PDB file of N, CA and C in Angstrom:
ATOM      1  N   TYR A   1     -21.216 -44.796 -35.029  1.00  0.00           N
ATOM      2  CA  TYR A   1     -19.963 -45.837 -35.217  1.00  0.00           C
ATOM      3  C   TYR A   1     -20.440 -45.478 -37.152  1.00  0.00           C
ATOM      4  N   ARG A   2     -21.797 -45.431 -37.437  1.00  0.00           N
ATOM      5  CA  ARG A   2     -22.447 -44.982 -38.477  1.00  0.00           C
ATOM      6  C   ARG A   2     -21.524 -43.576 -39.333  1.00  0.00           C
ATOM      7  N   ASP A   3     -21.087 -42.495 -38.622  1.00  0.00           N
ATOM      8  CA  ASP A   3     -20.205 -41.596 -38.852  1.00  0.00           C
ATOM      9  C   ASP A   3     -19.040 -42.053 -39.653  1.00  0.00           C
ATOM     10  N   PHE A   4     -18.364 -42.853 -38.739  1.00  0.00           N
ATOM     11  CA  PHE A   4     -17.627 -42.837 -39.314  1.00  0.00           C
ATOM     12  C   PHE A   4     -17.230 -43.775 -40.232  1.00  0.00           C
ATOM     13  N   ASP A   5     -17.940 -44.945 -40.833  1.00  0.00           N
ATOM     14  CA  ASP A   5     -18.473 -45.719 -41.761  1.00  0.00           C
ATOM     15  C   ASP A   5     -18.886 -44.813 -42.827  1.00  0.00           C
ATOM     16  N   GLY A   6     -19.522 -43.944 -42.281  1.00  0.00           N
ATOM     17  CA  GLY A   6     -19.644 -42.923 -43.767  1.00  0.00           C
ATOM     18  C   GLY A   6     -18.564 -41.932 -44.771  1.00  0.00           C
ATOM     19  N   ARG A   7     -17.935 -41.699 -43.454  1.00  0.00           N
ATOM     20  CA  ARG A   7     -16.435 -41.011 -43.690  1.00  0.00           C
ATOM     21  C   ARG A   7     -15.940 -42.004 -44.666  1.00  0.00           C
ATOM     22  N   PHE A   8     -15.336 -42.836 -43.735  1.00  0.00           N
ATOM     23  CA  PHE A   8     -14.363 -43.953 -44.707  1.00  0.00           C
ATOM     24  C   PHE A   8     -15.135 -44.412 -46.044  1.00  0.00           C
ATOM     25  N   TRP A   9     -16.432 -44.538 -45.867  1.00  0.00           N
ATOM     26  CA  TRP A   9     -17.009 -45.040 -47.713  1.00  0.00           C
ATOM     27  C   TRP A   9     -17.041 -43.666 -48.444  1.00  0.00           C
ATOM     28  N   LEU A  10     -16.828 -42.717 -48.301  1.00  0.00           N
ATOM     29  CA  LEU A  10     -16.740 -41.633 -49.020  1.00  0.00           C
ATOM     30  C   LEU A  10     -15.236 -40.785 -49.578  1.00  0.00           C
ATOM     31  N   ILE A  11     -14.391 -41.370 -48.359  1.00  0.00           N
ATOM     32  CA  ILE A  11     -12.950 -41.450 -49.060  1.00  0.00           C
ATOM     33  C   ILE A  11     -12.355 -42.517 -49.748  1.00  0.00           C
ATOM     34  N   ASP A  12     -12.988 -43.979 -49.593  1.00  0.00           N
ATOM     35  CA  ASP A  12     -12.856 -44.898 -50.553  1.00  0.00           C
ATOM     36  C   ASP A  12     -13.544 -44.514 -52.041  1.00  0.00           C
ATOM     37  N   VAL A  13     -14.462 -43.870 -51.937  1.00  0.00           N
ATOM     38  CA  VAL A  13     -15.051 -43.494 -53.296  1.00  0.00           C
ATOM     39  C   VAL A  13     -14.328 -42.703 -53.854  1.00  0.00           C
ATOM     40  N   ASP A  14     -13.879 -41.871 -53.167  1.00  0.00           N
ATOM     41  CA  ASP A  14     -13.412 -40.079 -53.863  1.00  0.00           C
ATOM     42  C   ASP A  14     -11.913 -41.012 -53.903  1.00  0.00           C
ATOM     43  N   SER A  15     -11.002 -41.927 -53.530  1.00  0.00           N
ATOM     44  CA  SER A  15      -9.553 -42.494 -53.922  1.00  0.00           C
ATOM     45  C   SER A  15      -9.953 -43.170 -55.350  1.00  0.00           C
ATOM     46  N   HIS A  16     -10.994 -44.095 -55.331  1.00  0.00           N
ATOM     47  CA  HIS A  16     -11.799 -44.763 -56.567  1.00  0.00           C
ATOM     48  C   HIS A  16     -11.927 -43.880 -57.623  1.00  0.00           C
ATOM     49  N   SER A  17     -12.472 -42.765 -57.178  1.00  0.00           N
ATOM     50  CA  SER A  17     -13.051 -42.125 -58.692  1.00  0.00           C
ATOM     51  C   SER A  17     -11.848 -41.105 -59.186  1.00  0.00           C
ATOM     52  N   GLN A  18     -10.746 -41.250 -58.078  1.00  0.00           N
ATOM     53  CA  GLN A  18      -9.048 -40.139 -58.573  1.00  0.00           C
ATOM     54  C   GLN A  18      -8.568 -41.493 -59.734  1.00  0.00           C
ATOM     55  N   ILE A  19      -8.681 -42.215 -59.371  1.00  0.00           N
ATOM     56  CA  ILE A  19      -7.722 -43.134 -60.006  1.00  0.00           C
ATOM     57  C   ILE A  19      -8.608 -43.265 -61.514  1.00  0.00           C
ATOM     58  N   TRP A  20     -10.612 -43.362 -61.305  1.00  0.00           N
ATOM     59  CA  TRP A  20     -10.930 -43.450 -62.632  1.00  0.00           C
ATOM     60  C   TRP A  20     -10.674 -42.161 -62.876  1.00  0.00           C
ATOM     61  N   LEU A  21     -10.775 -41.222 -62.610  1.00  0.00           N
ATOM     62  CA  LEU A  21     -10.401 -40.086 -63.683  1.00  0.00           C
ATOM     63  C   LEU A  21      -9.278 -39.926 -64.398  1.00  0.00           C
ATOM     64  N   LYS A  22      -8.024 -40.164 -63.418  1.00  0.00           N
ATOM     65  CA  LYS A  22      -6.297 -40.214 -64.037  1.00  0.00           C
ATOM     66  C   LYS A  22      -6.444 -41.430 -64.987  1.00  0.00           C
ATOM     67  N   ASN A  23      -7.337 -42.674 -65.242  1.00  0.00           N
ATOM     68  CA  ASN A  23      -6.871 -43.529 -66.029  1.00  0.00           C
ATOM     69  C   ASN A  23      -8.244 -43.361 -67.124  1.00  0.00           C
ATOM     70  N   THR A  24      -9.126 -42.340 -67.384  1.00  0.00           N
ATOM     71  CA  THR A  24     -10.047 -41.727 -68.345  1.00  0.00           C
ATOM     72  C   THR A  24      -9.231 -40.564 -68.914  1.00  0.00           C
ATOM     73  N   TYR A  25      -8.368 -39.953 -68.305  1.00  0.00           N
ATOM     74  CA  TYR A  25      -7.703 -38.614 -68.837  1.00  0.00           C
ATOM     75  C   TYR A  25      -6.867 -39.079 -69.472  1.00  0.00           C
ATOM     76  N   SER A  26      -5.497 -40.168 -68.678  1.00  0.00           N
ATOM     77  CA  SER A  26      -4.504 -40.625 -69.878  1.00  0.00           C
ATOM     78  C   SER A  26      -5.194 -41.335 -71.183  1.00  0.00           C
ATOM     79  N   ARG A  27      -6.285 -42.205 -70.902  1.00  0.00           N
ATOM     80  CA  ARG A  27      -6.505 -42.435 -72.627  1.00  0.00           C
ATOM     81  C   ARG A  27      -6.840 -41.849 -73.177  1.00  0.00           C
ATOM     82  N   THR A  28      -7.876 -40.649 -72.729  1.00  0.00           N
ATOM     83  CA  THR A  28      -8.328 -39.763 -73.846  1.00  0.00           C
ATOM     84  C   THR A  28      -6.798 -39.069 -74.070  1.00  0.00           C
ATOM     85  N   THR A  29      -5.821 -38.381 -73.977  1.00  0.00           N
ATOM     86  CA  THR A  29      -4.838 -37.633 -74.106  1.00  0.00           C
ATOM     87  C   THR A  29      -4.091 -38.880 -75.140  1.00  0.00           C
ATOM     88  N   ILE A  30      -3.922 -40.532 -74.950  1.00  0.00           N
ATOM     89  CA  ILE A  30      -3.150 -41.445 -75.853  1.00  0.00           C
ATOM     90  C   ILE A  30      -4.210 -41.193 -76.973  1.00  0.00           C
ATOM     91  N   LYS A  31      -5.297 -41.324 -77.313  1.00  0.00           N
ATOM     92  CA  LYS A  31      -6.487 -40.846 -78.515  1.00  0.00           C
ATOM     93  C   LYS A  31      -5.909 -40.152 -78.845  1.00  0.00           C
ATOM     94  N   MET A  32      -5.953 -38.580 -78.725  1.00  0.00           N
ATOM     95  CA  MET A  32      -5.566 -37.563 -79.396  1.00  0.00           C
ATOM     96  C   MET A  32      -4.087 -37.002 -79.711  1.00  0.00           C
ATOM     97  N   LEU A  33      -3.213 -37.993 -79.043  1.00  0.00           N
ATOM     98  CA  LEU A  33      -1.927 -37.786 -79.122  1.00  0.00           C
ATOM     99  C   LEU A  33      -1.829 -39.049 -80.815  1.00  0.00           C
ATOM    100  N   GLN A  34      -2.856 -39.941 -80.646  1.00  0.00           N
ATOM    101  CA  GLN A  34      -2.864 -40.947 -81.550  1.00  0.00           C
ATOM    102  C   GLN A  34      -3.378 -40.042 -83.294  1.00  0.00           C
ATOM    103  N   ARG A  35      -4.419 -39.451 -83.087  1.00  0.00           N
ATOM    104  CA  ARG A  35      -4.670 -38.874 -84.558  1.00  0.00           C
ATOM    105  C   ARG A  35      -3.714 -37.835 -84.961  1.00  0.00           C
TER     106      ARG A  35
END
């Protein structure tokens, strides 16, 4: 069960980081476009 929980947690973190990266990327793009 530890393995399964670990994998699930890693997948969850990965999806969260992907969303965070997308948000940060879009914010930076908007800032650059405004300049």
